[in-house]
Amino acid sequence: RFVPKRMVPFSFPLSKCALWDPVPMGDVIGAHVTYYRNPRLSLVEKTLRLAYRHAKQNEKKSFSCFLLGTLAADEGGEGVTLTIDRFDPGREV
């Protein structure tokens, strides 16, 4: 399951003040959600319809929006479910 070619290291934006020492310590580990669990996506139909209607009404070819939801581990611990249940069109500014 581990695909080293697709793994991307964490990177944080540059800042003037750091709360930790940025020098790497220890061995490299994989932190991808699919490495240990089977992912499942659940999307509420109403949310998908709202996003689709907003995309059709938008005059721009490309626009930004947010899909919000919850991430939960299954009872058996074998899988993770991402449930997307809210749509936020965001702001232009």
Protein backbone atom coordinates (compact mmCIF):
# COMPACT_ATOMS: atom_id res chain seq x y z
CA ARG A 1 0.00 0.00 0.00
CA PHE A 2 2.89 2.36 0.57
CA VAL A 3 3.58 4.29 -2.63
CA PRO A 4 6.77 6.34 -2.11
CA LYS A 5 6.48 8.13 -5.47
CA ARG A 6 3.18 9.71 -4.45
CA MET A 7 4.11 10.64 -0.90
CA VAL A 8 4.79 14.33 -0.43
CA PRO A 9 6.62 15.61 2.68
CA PHE A 10 4.89 18.08 4.97
CA SER A 11 5.78 21.70 4.35
CA PHE A 12 4.73 24.77 6.24
CA PRO A 13 4.67 28.40 5.07
CA LEU A 14 7.63 30.57 5.98
CA SER A 15 7.16 32.73 9.06
CA LYS A 16 9.24 35.11 11.15
CA CYS A 17 8.70 33.17 14.38
CA ALA A 18 8.79 29.37 14.71
CA LEU A 19 7.35 27.49 17.66
CA TRP A 20 9.51 24.43 17.03
CA ASP A 21 12.89 23.48 15.65
CA PRO A 22 12.38 22.84 11.89
CA VAL A 23 15.37 20.48 11.60
CA PRO A 24 14.16 16.91 10.75
CA MET A 25 14.75 14.29 13.45
CA GLY A 26 14.41 10.51 13.18
CA ASP A 27 13.31 8.25 10.36
CA VAL A 28 10.79 9.20 7.67
CA ILE A 29 7.32 7.75 8.25
CA GLY A 30 4.23 7.64 6.06
CA ALA A 31 1.29 9.67 7.36
CA HIS A 32 -1.22 9.11 4.56
CA VAL A 33 -4.75 8.25 5.67
CA THR A 34 -4.98 5.27 3.27
CA TYR A 35 -1.78 3.72 4.61
CA TYR A 36 -3.52 2.20 7.64
CA ARG A 37 -7.24 2.53 6.84
CA ASN A 38 -9.72 2.02 4.01
CA PRO A 39 -11.23 5.43 3.12
CA ARG A 40 -14.90 5.92 2.26
CA LEU A 41 -16.55 9.11 0.96
CA SER A 42 -20.17 9.98 1.69
CA LEU A 43 -21.71 13.04 0.04
CA VAL A 44 -25.18 14.35 0.91
CA GLU A 45 -27.26 14.83 -2.26
CA LYS A 46 -28.56 18.25 -1.16
CA THR A 47 -24.98 19.50 -0.77
CA LEU A 48 -24.03 18.27 -4.22
CA ARG A 49 -27.10 19.93 -5.78
CA LEU A 50 -26.28 23.26 -4.07
CA ALA A 51 -22.70 23.16 -5.35
CA TYR A 52 -23.88 22.26 -8.87
CA ARG A 53 -26.46 25.09 -8.92
CA HIS A 54 -23.87 27.58 -7.67
CA ALA A 55 -21.41 26.47 -10.37
CA LYS A 56 -24.04 26.89 -13.11
CA GLN A 57 -25.03 30.37 -11.89
CA ASN A 58 -21.45 31.57 -11.57
CA GLU A 59 -20.31 33.64 -14.55
CA LYS A 60 -16.63 32.83 -14.04
CA LYS A 61 -15.14 29.71 -15.55
CA SER A 62 -13.32 28.96 -12.30
CA PHE A 63 -14.47 29.78 -8.76
CA SER A 64 -13.65 28.88 -5.16
CA CYS A 65 -15.93 27.20 -2.64
CA PHE A 66 -15.79 24.99 0.45
CA LEU A 67 -17.23 21.55 1.03
CA LEU A 68 -17.43 20.89 4.78
CA GLY A 69 -17.93 17.66 6.63
CA THR A 70 -16.74 15.26 9.28
CA LEU A 71 -14.07 12.58 9.37
CA ALA A 72 -14.74 9.53 11.54
CA ALA A 73 -13.09 6.16 12.10
CA ASP A 74 -15.34 3.11 11.76
CA GLU A 75 -16.17 1.04 14.84
CA GLY A 76 -13.88 -1.79 13.83
CA GLY A 77 -11.01 0.61 13.24
CA GLU A 78 -10.52 -0.71 9.70
CA GLY A 79 -11.89 2.26 7.78
CA VAL A 80 -12.34 6.02 7.78
CA THR A 81 -15.47 7.78 6.51
CA LEU A 82 -15.47 11.36 5.24
CA THR A 83 -19.04 12.68 5.25
CA ILE A 84 -19.49 15.91 3.29
CA ASP A 85 -22.74 17.55 4.33
CA ARG A 86 -22.34 21.32 3.91
CA PHE A 87 -21.58 23.68 1.03
CA ASP A 88 -20.15 27.17 1.50
CA PRO A 89 -19.74 29.32 -1.63
CA GLY A 90 -17.19 31.51 0.15
CA ARG A 91 -16.64 35.19 -0.53
CA GLU A 92 -15.31 37.01 -3.54
CA VAL A 93 -12.94 39.16 -1.45
